[in-house]
Amino acid sequence: MNASGSMHEHYDTGTALMTAAKVSPPVAVSTLSFFGIPLENWVIVATLVYTVLLIIGQLIKIFKELRAK
């Protein structure tokens, strides 16, 4: 494979992932509502998960900076 073919495949994968990310919230809400779980509860859960991921990301960044010293 040449570099341009590789770049094109990366773009296609990135585009597909972005499309999936844009579509997933409405699909998740529809699916969860179908199972009888209120949206308010999922907003709280998603916020907690997002906050935990941000904290983990920051801790990894701090750990790498301390390790580099």
N, C-alpha and C. Protein backbone atom coordinates (compact mmCIF):
# COMPACT_ATOMS: atom_id res chain seq x y z
N MET A 1 0.83 -1.18 0.00
CA MET A 1 0.00 0.00 0.00
C MET A 1 0.87 1.24 0.00
N ASN A 2 0.44 2.22 -0.70
CA ASN A 2 1.18 3.47 -0.67
C ASN A 2 0.60 4.38 0.40
N ALA A 3 1.28 5.49 0.61
CA ALA A 3 0.88 6.40 1.69
C ALA A 3 -0.50 7.02 1.43
N SER A 4 -0.81 7.31 0.17
CA SER A 4 -2.09 7.95 -0.11
C SER A 4 -3.25 6.98 0.13
N GLY A 5 -3.07 5.70 -0.19
CA GLY A 5 -4.10 4.71 0.07
C GLY A 5 -4.33 4.54 1.56
N SER A 6 -3.25 4.54 2.31
CA SER A 6 -3.35 4.42 3.75
C SER A 6 -4.09 5.61 4.34
N MET A 7 -3.79 6.79 3.85
CA MET A 7 -4.43 8.00 4.34
C MET A 7 -5.92 7.97 4.02
N HIS A 8 -6.26 7.49 2.84
CA HIS A 8 -7.67 7.42 2.43
C HIS A 8 -8.43 6.46 3.33
N GLU A 9 -7.85 5.32 3.66
CA GLU A 9 -8.50 4.36 4.54
C GLU A 9 -8.69 4.96 5.93
N HIS A 10 -7.69 5.69 6.40
CA HIS A 10 -7.80 6.32 7.72
C HIS A 10 -8.95 7.34 7.72
N TYR A 11 -9.06 8.10 6.65
CA TYR A 11 -10.13 9.09 6.56
C TYR A 11 -11.49 8.40 6.57
N ASP A 12 -11.62 7.31 5.82
CA ASP A 12 -12.89 6.59 5.77
C ASP A 12 -13.26 6.04 7.14
N THR A 13 -12.28 5.48 7.85
CA THR A 13 -12.52 4.96 9.19
C THR A 13 -12.92 6.08 10.12
N GLY A 14 -12.18 7.20 10.05
CA GLY A 14 -12.49 8.35 10.89
C GLY A 14 -13.88 8.89 10.61
N THR A 15 -14.26 8.94 9.35
CA THR A 15 -15.58 9.43 8.98
C THR A 15 -16.66 8.49 9.52
N ALA A 16 -16.42 7.20 9.40
CA ALA A 16 -17.39 6.23 9.90
C ALA A 16 -17.54 6.34 11.41
N LEU A 17 -16.42 6.52 12.12
CA LEU A 17 -16.48 6.65 13.57
C LEU A 17 -17.21 7.93 13.98
N MET A 18 -16.95 9.01 13.26
CA MET A 18 -17.63 10.27 13.58
C MET A 18 -19.14 10.15 13.33
N THR A 19 -19.51 9.49 12.26
CA THR A 19 -20.92 9.29 11.97
C THR A 19 -21.58 8.44 13.06
N ALA A 20 -20.90 7.39 13.47
CA ALA A 20 -21.43 6.53 14.53
C ALA A 20 -21.58 7.31 15.83
N ALA A 21 -20.61 8.17 16.14
CA ALA A 21 -20.67 8.97 17.36
C ALA A 21 -21.83 9.96 17.31
N LYS A 22 -22.10 10.50 16.14
CA LYS A 22 -23.21 11.46 16.01
C LYS A 22 -24.57 10.77 16.10
N VAL A 23 -24.65 9.54 15.64
CA VAL A 23 -25.92 8.82 15.61
C VAL A 23 -26.20 8.12 16.93
N SER A 24 -25.18 7.78 17.68
CA SER A 24 -25.36 6.94 18.87
C SER A 24 -26.25 7.55 19.97
N PRO A 25 -26.17 8.84 20.29
CA PRO A 25 -27.06 9.35 21.35
C PRO A 25 -28.55 9.15 21.07
N PRO A 26 -29.04 9.51 19.87
CA PRO A 26 -30.47 9.28 19.64
C PRO A 26 -30.85 7.80 19.66
N VAL A 27 -29.97 6.97 19.14
CA VAL A 27 -30.24 5.53 19.15
C VAL A 27 -30.27 5.03 20.58
N ALA A 28 -29.33 5.47 21.40
CA ALA A 28 -29.28 5.04 22.80
C ALA A 28 -30.53 5.50 23.55
N VAL A 29 -30.94 6.72 23.33
CA VAL A 29 -32.13 7.24 24.02
C VAL A 29 -33.36 6.44 23.61
N SER A 30 -33.49 6.18 22.33
CA SER A 30 -34.64 5.41 21.86
C SER A 30 -34.64 4.01 22.44
N THR A 31 -33.49 3.37 22.44
CA THR A 31 -33.38 2.01 22.96
C THR A 31 -33.66 1.97 24.45
N LEU A 32 -33.07 2.89 25.20
CA LEU A 32 -33.26 2.90 26.64
C LEU A 32 -34.69 3.24 27.01
N SER A 33 -35.29 4.16 26.29
CA SER A 33 -36.69 4.50 26.55
C SER A 33 -37.58 3.29 26.28
N PHE A 34 -37.21 2.51 25.29
CA PHE A 34 -37.97 1.30 24.96
C PHE A 34 -37.93 0.30 26.12
N PHE A 35 -36.82 0.24 26.82
CA PHE A 35 -36.68 -0.69 27.95
C PHE A 35 -37.25 -0.10 29.24
N GLY A 36 -37.81 1.08 29.19
CA GLY A 36 -38.47 1.65 30.35
C GLY A 36 -37.56 2.38 31.32
N ILE A 37 -36.34 2.69 30.90
CA ILE A 37 -35.42 3.40 31.77
C ILE A 37 -35.54 4.90 31.46
N PRO A 38 -35.85 5.71 32.46
CA PRO A 38 -36.01 7.15 32.21
C PRO A 38 -34.71 7.81 31.74
N LEU A 39 -34.85 8.73 30.83
CA LEU A 39 -33.70 9.43 30.27
C LEU A 39 -32.91 10.17 31.35
N GLU A 40 -33.59 10.72 32.34
CA GLU A 40 -32.92 11.48 33.39
C GLU A 40 -31.86 10.64 34.10
N ASN A 41 -32.19 9.37 34.34
CA ASN A 41 -31.22 8.48 35.00
C ASN A 41 -30.00 8.25 34.13
N TRP A 42 -30.20 8.11 32.83
CA TRP A 42 -29.07 7.86 31.94
C TRP A 42 -28.20 9.10 31.78
N VAL A 43 -28.80 10.28 31.87
CA VAL A 43 -27.99 11.50 31.82
C VAL A 43 -27.06 11.55 33.03
N ILE A 44 -27.56 11.18 34.18
CA ILE A 44 -26.75 11.16 35.39
C ILE A 44 -25.63 10.14 35.25
N VAL A 45 -25.96 8.94 34.79
CA VAL A 45 -24.95 7.89 34.62
C VAL A 45 -23.90 8.32 33.60
N ALA A 46 -24.33 8.87 32.47
CA ALA A 46 -23.39 9.31 31.44
C ALA A 46 -22.48 10.42 31.96
N THR A 47 -23.02 11.33 32.75
CA THR A 47 -22.21 12.40 33.33
C THR A 47 -21.17 11.84 34.28
N LEU A 48 -21.56 10.88 35.10
CA LEU A 48 -20.61 10.26 36.02
C LEU A 48 -19.51 9.52 35.27
N VAL A 49 -19.88 8.77 34.25
CA VAL A 49 -18.88 8.04 33.46
C VAL A 49 -17.93 9.01 32.78
N TYR A 50 -18.48 10.07 32.20
CA TYR A 50 -17.65 11.08 31.53
C TYR A 50 -16.69 11.74 32.51
N THR A 51 -17.17 12.07 33.69
CA THR A 51 -16.32 12.69 34.71
C THR A 51 -15.20 11.74 35.14
N VAL A 52 -15.54 10.48 35.34
CA VAL A 52 -14.52 9.49 35.72
C VAL A 52 -13.47 9.36 34.61
N LEU A 53 -13.90 9.33 33.36
CA LEU A 53 -12.95 9.22 32.25
C LEU A 53 -12.04 10.45 32.18
N LEU A 54 -12.60 11.63 32.42
CA LEU A 54 -11.77 12.84 32.45
C LEU A 54 -10.74 12.78 33.57
N ILE A 55 -11.14 12.31 34.74
CA ILE A 55 -10.22 12.20 35.87
C ILE A 55 -9.13 11.20 35.55
N ILE A 56 -9.49 10.05 35.00
CA ILE A 56 -8.49 9.04 34.64
C ILE A 56 -7.51 9.59 33.61
N GLY A 57 -8.04 10.29 32.61
CA GLY A 57 -7.17 10.89 31.59
C GLY A 57 -6.20 11.89 32.18
N GLN A 58 -6.67 12.70 33.10
CA GLN A 58 -5.80 13.68 33.75
C GLN A 58 -4.75 13.00 34.62
N LEU A 59 -5.15 11.95 35.34
CA LEU A 59 -4.18 11.21 36.16
C LEU A 59 -3.10 10.55 35.31
N ILE A 60 -3.49 10.01 34.17
CA ILE A 60 -2.50 9.42 33.26
C ILE A 60 -1.53 10.49 32.77
N LYS A 61 -2.05 11.64 32.42
CA LYS A 61 -1.21 12.75 31.95
C LYS A 61 -0.22 13.16 33.06
N ILE A 62 -0.70 13.30 34.27
CA ILE A 62 0.16 13.69 35.39
C ILE A 62 1.21 12.62 35.64
N PHE A 63 0.79 11.35 35.61
CA PHE A 63 1.72 10.24 35.83
C PHE A 63 2.83 10.22 34.78
N LYS A 64 2.48 10.46 33.51
CA LYS A 64 3.48 10.49 32.45
C LYS A 64 4.45 11.64 32.64
N GLU A 65 3.94 12.81 33.07
CA GLU A 65 4.81 13.96 33.29
C GLU A 65 5.76 13.70 34.45
N LEU A 66 5.28 13.10 35.51
CA LEU A 66 6.15 12.78 36.65
C LEU A 66 7.18 11.72 36.28
N ARG A 67 6.79 10.78 35.47
CA ARG A 67 7.69 9.71 35.05
C ARG A 67 8.80 10.24 34.14
N ALA A 68 8.49 11.27 33.36
CA ALA A 68 9.47 11.84 32.44
C ALA A 68 10.57 12.62 33.18
N LYS A 69 10.29 13.05 34.41
CA LYS A 69 11.27 13.85 35.16
C LYS A 69 12.37 13.03 35.69
